[in-house]
Amino acid sequence: MNYVRQLYRATVICFQVGLLLSLSILGKWLVQQLHIPIPGSLLGMAILFLLLCFKVVRLPWVETGADYLLRVLVFLFVPPTVGIIDYGELLKMHGLALLLTIVASTLCVLSTTAIVANKWLNPQKKANSS
């Protein structure tokens, strides 16, 4: 019985990852067709967000697949990280500038995320301060 449960879970994950991948491909296609200056995968994520907001897609339809992708996310970064080895000279020349850019952009993203989350999750503080 455990084997059947594992097979069912693997099938669900495959279908859900396929749905997420389809939305990413749709976003890339729309960017290409409409000449929108944003990454297609980002547009695909925005489409998924809207579909979830308007309940066209329910969260359980993508939740298990998204959780799986988040668990293996670290492994998806291994090939690009190993590929950096080919750019040793570039890193010697511009390594510090690249590092500072990465740190600064990470801090900007974290700060913006914190501010938006704080405003969104605590709207009563804003109402009380007025």
C-alpha atoms as a PDB file:
ATOM      1  CA  MET A   1       0.000   0.000   0.000  1.00  0.00           C
ATOM      2  CA  ASN A   2       2.879   2.373   0.771  1.00  0.00           C
ATOM      3  CA  TYR A   3       4.174   1.900  -2.775  1.00  0.00           C
ATOM      4  CA  VAL A   4       0.816   2.961  -4.216  1.00  0.00           C
ATOM      5  CA  ARG A   5       0.790   6.074  -2.019  1.00  0.00           C
ATOM      6  CA  GLN A   6       4.300   7.013  -3.146  1.00  0.00           C
ATOM      7  CA  LEU A   7       3.376   6.458  -6.784  1.00  0.00           C
ATOM      8  CA  TYR A   8       0.273   8.613  -6.372  1.00  0.00           C
ATOM      9  CA  ARG A   9       2.307  11.392  -4.700  1.00  0.00           C
ATOM     10  CA  ALA A  10       4.931  11.278  -7.466  1.00  0.00           C
ATOM     11  CA  THR A  11       2.191  11.502 -10.101  1.00  0.00           C
ATOM     12  CA  VAL A  12       0.584  14.469  -8.347  1.00  0.00           C
ATOM     13  CA  ILE A  13       3.944  16.236  -8.127  1.00  0.00           C
ATOM     14  CA  CYS A  14       4.625  15.625 -11.833  1.00  0.00           C
ATOM     15  CA  PHE A  15       1.256  17.041 -12.873  1.00  0.00           C
ATOM     16  CA  GLN A  16       1.569  20.061 -10.580  1.00  0.00           C
ATOM     17  CA  VAL A  17       5.119  20.852 -11.700  1.00  0.00           C
ATOM     18  CA  GLY A  18       3.850  20.464 -15.267  1.00  0.00           C
ATOM     19  CA  LEU A  19       1.120  23.029 -14.566  1.00  0.00           C
ATOM     20  CA  LEU A  20       3.659  25.446 -13.089  1.00  0.00           C
ATOM     21  CA  LEU A  21       5.979  24.878 -16.046  1.00  0.00           C
ATOM     22  CA  SER A  22       3.094  25.458 -18.468  1.00  0.00           C
ATOM     23  CA  LEU A  23       2.361  28.814 -16.866  1.00  0.00           C
ATOM     24  CA  SER A  24       6.036  29.747 -17.121  1.00  0.00           C
ATOM     25  CA  ILE A  25       6.070  28.787 -20.807  1.00  0.00           C
ATOM     26  CA  LEU A  26       2.862  30.787 -21.347  1.00  0.00           C
ATOM     27  CA  GLY A  27       4.497  33.805 -19.724  1.00  0.00           C
ATOM     28  CA  LYS A  28       7.582  33.472 -21.932  1.00  0.00           C
ATOM     29  CA  TRP A  29       5.401  33.138 -25.023  1.00  0.00           C
ATOM     30  CA  LEU A  30       3.365  36.231 -24.087  1.00  0.00           C
ATOM     31  CA  VAL A  31       6.537  38.256 -23.503  1.00  0.00           C
ATOM     32  CA  GLN A  32       7.837  37.197 -26.899  1.00  0.00           C
ATOM     33  CA  GLN A  33       4.556  37.963 -28.684  1.00  0.00           C
ATOM     34  CA  LEU A  34       3.789  41.253 -26.928  1.00  0.00           C
ATOM     35  CA  HIS A  35       7.419  42.440 -26.632  1.00  0.00           C
ATOM     36  CA  ILE A  36       7.051  43.110 -22.913  1.00  0.00           C
ATOM     37  CA  PRO A  37      10.363  44.026 -21.248  1.00  0.00           C
ATOM     38  CA  ILE A  38      10.068  41.647 -18.274  1.00  0.00           C
ATOM     39  CA  PRO A  39      11.183  38.029 -17.859  1.00  0.00           C
ATOM     40  CA  GLY A  40       8.623  35.530 -19.107  1.00  0.00           C
ATOM     41  CA  SER A  41       8.893  33.397 -16.003  1.00  0.00           C
ATOM     42  CA  LEU A  42       7.979  36.439 -13.906  1.00  0.00           C
ATOM     43  CA  LEU A  43       4.916  37.046 -16.058  1.00  0.00           C
ATOM     44  CA  GLY A  44       4.025  33.360 -15.672  1.00  0.00           C
ATOM     45  CA  MET A  45       4.257  33.747 -11.904  1.00  0.00           C
ATOM     46  CA  ALA A  46       2.016  36.818 -12.071  1.00  0.00           C
ATOM     47  CA  ILE A  47      -0.497  34.829 -14.121  1.00  0.00           C
ATOM     48  CA  LEU A  48      -0.408  32.074 -11.492  1.00  0.00           C
ATOM     49  CA  PHE A  49      -0.961  34.671  -8.764  1.00  0.00           C
ATOM     50  CA  LEU A  50      -3.990  36.093 -10.576  1.00  0.00           C
ATOM     51  CA  LEU A  51      -5.396  32.624 -11.226  1.00  0.00           C
ATOM     52  CA  LEU A  52      -5.048  31.836  -7.523  1.00  0.00           C
ATOM     53  CA  CYS A  53      -6.604  35.175  -6.494  1.00  0.00           C
ATOM     54  CA  PHE A  54      -9.620  34.690  -8.741  1.00  0.00           C
ATOM     55  CA  LYS A  55      -9.875  31.018  -7.695  1.00  0.00           C
ATOM     56  CA  VAL A  56      -9.516  29.734 -11.253  1.00  0.00           C
ATOM     57  CA  VAL A  57      -6.696  27.583  -9.883  1.00  0.00           C
ATOM     58  CA  ARG A  58      -7.016  26.343  -6.323  1.00  0.00           C
ATOM     59  CA  LEU A  59      -3.958  26.223  -4.087  1.00  0.00           C
ATOM     60  CA  PRO A  60      -4.079  22.421  -3.565  1.00  0.00           C
ATOM     61  CA  TRP A  61      -3.724  22.026  -7.351  1.00  0.00           C
ATOM     62  CA  VAL A  62      -0.168  23.432  -7.232  1.00  0.00           C
ATOM     63  CA  GLU A  63       0.881  23.305  -3.579  1.00  0.00           C
ATOM     64  CA  THR A  64       2.591  19.896  -3.482  1.00  0.00           C
ATOM     65  CA  GLY A  65       4.491  20.538  -6.706  1.00  0.00           C
ATOM     66  CA  ALA A  66       5.593  23.987  -5.548  1.00  0.00           C
ATOM     67  CA  ASP A  67       6.743  22.560  -2.201  1.00  0.00           C
ATOM     68  CA  TYR A  68       8.759  19.934  -4.046  1.00  0.00           C
ATOM     69  CA  LEU A  69      10.397  22.560  -6.268  1.00  0.00           C
ATOM     70  CA  LEU A  70      11.291  24.631  -3.212  1.00  0.00           C
ATOM     71  CA  ARG A  71      12.890  21.590  -1.566  1.00  0.00           C
ATOM     72  CA  VAL A  72      15.123  20.911  -4.591  1.00  0.00           C
ATOM     73  CA  LEU A  73      15.817  24.585  -5.335  1.00  0.00           C
ATOM     74  CA  VAL A  74      19.337  24.399  -3.919  1.00  0.00           C
ATOM     75  CA  PHE A  75      20.245  21.626  -6.358  1.00  0.00           C
ATOM     76  CA  LEU A  76      18.999  23.731  -9.271  1.00  0.00           C
ATOM     77  CA  PHE A  77      21.670  26.337  -8.463  1.00  0.00           C
ATOM     78  CA  VAL A  78      24.588  23.876  -8.497  1.00  0.00           C
ATOM     79  CA  PRO A  79      25.258  23.952 -12.295  1.00  0.00           C
ATOM     80  CA  PRO A  80      25.434  27.770 -12.518  1.00  0.00           C
ATOM     81  CA  THR A  81      27.639  27.870  -9.446  1.00  0.00           C
ATOM     82  CA  VAL A  82      30.027  25.313 -10.911  1.00  0.00           C
ATOM     83  CA  GLY A  83      29.957  27.236 -14.194  1.00  0.00           C
ATOM     84  CA  ILE A  84      31.433  30.271 -12.439  1.00  0.00           C
ATOM     85  CA  ILE A  85      34.735  28.400 -12.342  1.00  0.00           C
ATOM     86  CA  ASP A  86      35.098  29.107 -16.078  1.00  0.00           C
ATOM     87  CA  TYR A  87      35.158  32.841 -15.352  1.00  0.00           C
ATOM     88  CA  GLY A  88      38.126  32.989 -12.965  1.00  0.00           C
ATOM     89  CA  GLU A  89      39.770  35.933 -14.738  1.00  0.00           C
ATOM     90  CA  LEU A  90      36.547  37.920 -14.729  1.00  0.00           C
ATOM     91  CA  LEU A  91      36.140  37.279 -11.014  1.00  0.00           C
ATOM     92  CA  LYS A  92      39.731  38.383 -10.355  1.00  0.00           C
ATOM     93  CA  MET A  93      39.141  41.657 -12.204  1.00  0.00           C
ATOM     94  CA  HIS A  94      35.584  42.468 -11.083  1.00  0.00           C
ATOM     95  CA  GLY A  95      34.965  40.134  -8.150  1.00  0.00           C
ATOM     96  CA  LEU A  96      34.645  42.814  -5.499  1.00  0.00           C
ATOM     97  CA  ALA A  97      32.254  44.896  -7.612  1.00  0.00           C
ATOM     98  CA  LEU A  98      30.156  41.793  -8.320  1.00  0.00           C
ATOM     99  CA  LEU A  99      30.104  40.859  -4.638  1.00  0.00           C
ATOM    100  CA  LEU A 100      29.048  44.362  -3.591  1.00  0.00           C
ATOM    101  CA  THR A 101      26.335  44.385  -6.246  1.00  0.00           C
ATOM    102  CA  ILE A 102      25.013  41.017  -5.076  1.00  0.00           C
ATOM    103  CA  VAL A 103      24.999  42.095  -1.420  1.00  0.00           C
ATOM    104  CA  ALA A 104      23.356  45.455  -2.184  1.00  0.00           C
ATOM    105  CA  SER A 105      20.653  43.949  -4.400  1.00  0.00           C
ATOM    106  CA  THR A 106      19.957  41.221  -1.838  1.00  0.00           C
ATOM    107  CA  LEU A 107      19.554  43.825   0.905  1.00  0.00           C
ATOM    108  CA  CYS A 108      17.216  45.860  -1.330  1.00  0.00           C
ATOM    109  CA  VAL A 109      15.056  42.819  -2.058  1.00  0.00           C
ATOM    110  CA  LEU A 110      14.963  41.765   1.607  1.00  0.00           C
ATOM    111  CA  SER A 111      14.123  45.301   2.758  1.00  0.00           C
ATOM    112  CA  THR A 112      11.390  45.748   0.172  1.00  0.00           C
ATOM    113  CA  THR A 113       9.922  42.347   1.007  1.00  0.00           C
ATOM    114  CA  ALA A 114       9.941  43.155   4.726  1.00  0.00           C
ATOM    115  CA  ILE A 115       8.266  46.538   4.204  1.00  0.00           C
ATOM    116  CA  VAL A 116       5.572  45.134   1.904  1.00  0.00           C
ATOM    117  CA  ALA A 117       4.934  42.151   4.181  1.00  0.00           C
ATOM    118  CA  ASN A 118       4.730  44.417   7.215  1.00  0.00           C
ATOM    119  CA  LYS A 119       2.251  46.750   5.519  1.00  0.00           C
ATOM    120  CA  TRP A 120       0.195  43.857   4.149  1.00  0.00           C
ATOM    121  CA  LEU A 121       0.128  41.693   7.265  1.00  0.00           C
ATOM    122  CA  ASN A 122      -0.395  44.535   9.748  1.00  0.00           C
ATOM    123  CA  PRO A 123      -2.904  46.923   8.149  1.00  0.00           C
ATOM    124  CA  GLN A 124      -4.410  47.762  11.560  1.00  0.00           C
ATOM    125  CA  LYS A 125      -1.193  49.537  12.652  1.00  0.00           C
ATOM    126  CA  LYS A 126      -1.548  51.912   9.717  1.00  0.00           C
ATOM    127  CA  ALA A 127      -5.204  52.572  10.545  1.00  0.00           C
ATOM    128  CA  ASN A 128      -4.404  53.180  14.244  1.00  0.00           C
ATOM    129  CA  SER A 129      -1.565  55.601  13.497  1.00  0.00           C
ATOM    130  CA  SER A 130      -3.842  57.849  11.375  1.00  0.00           C
END
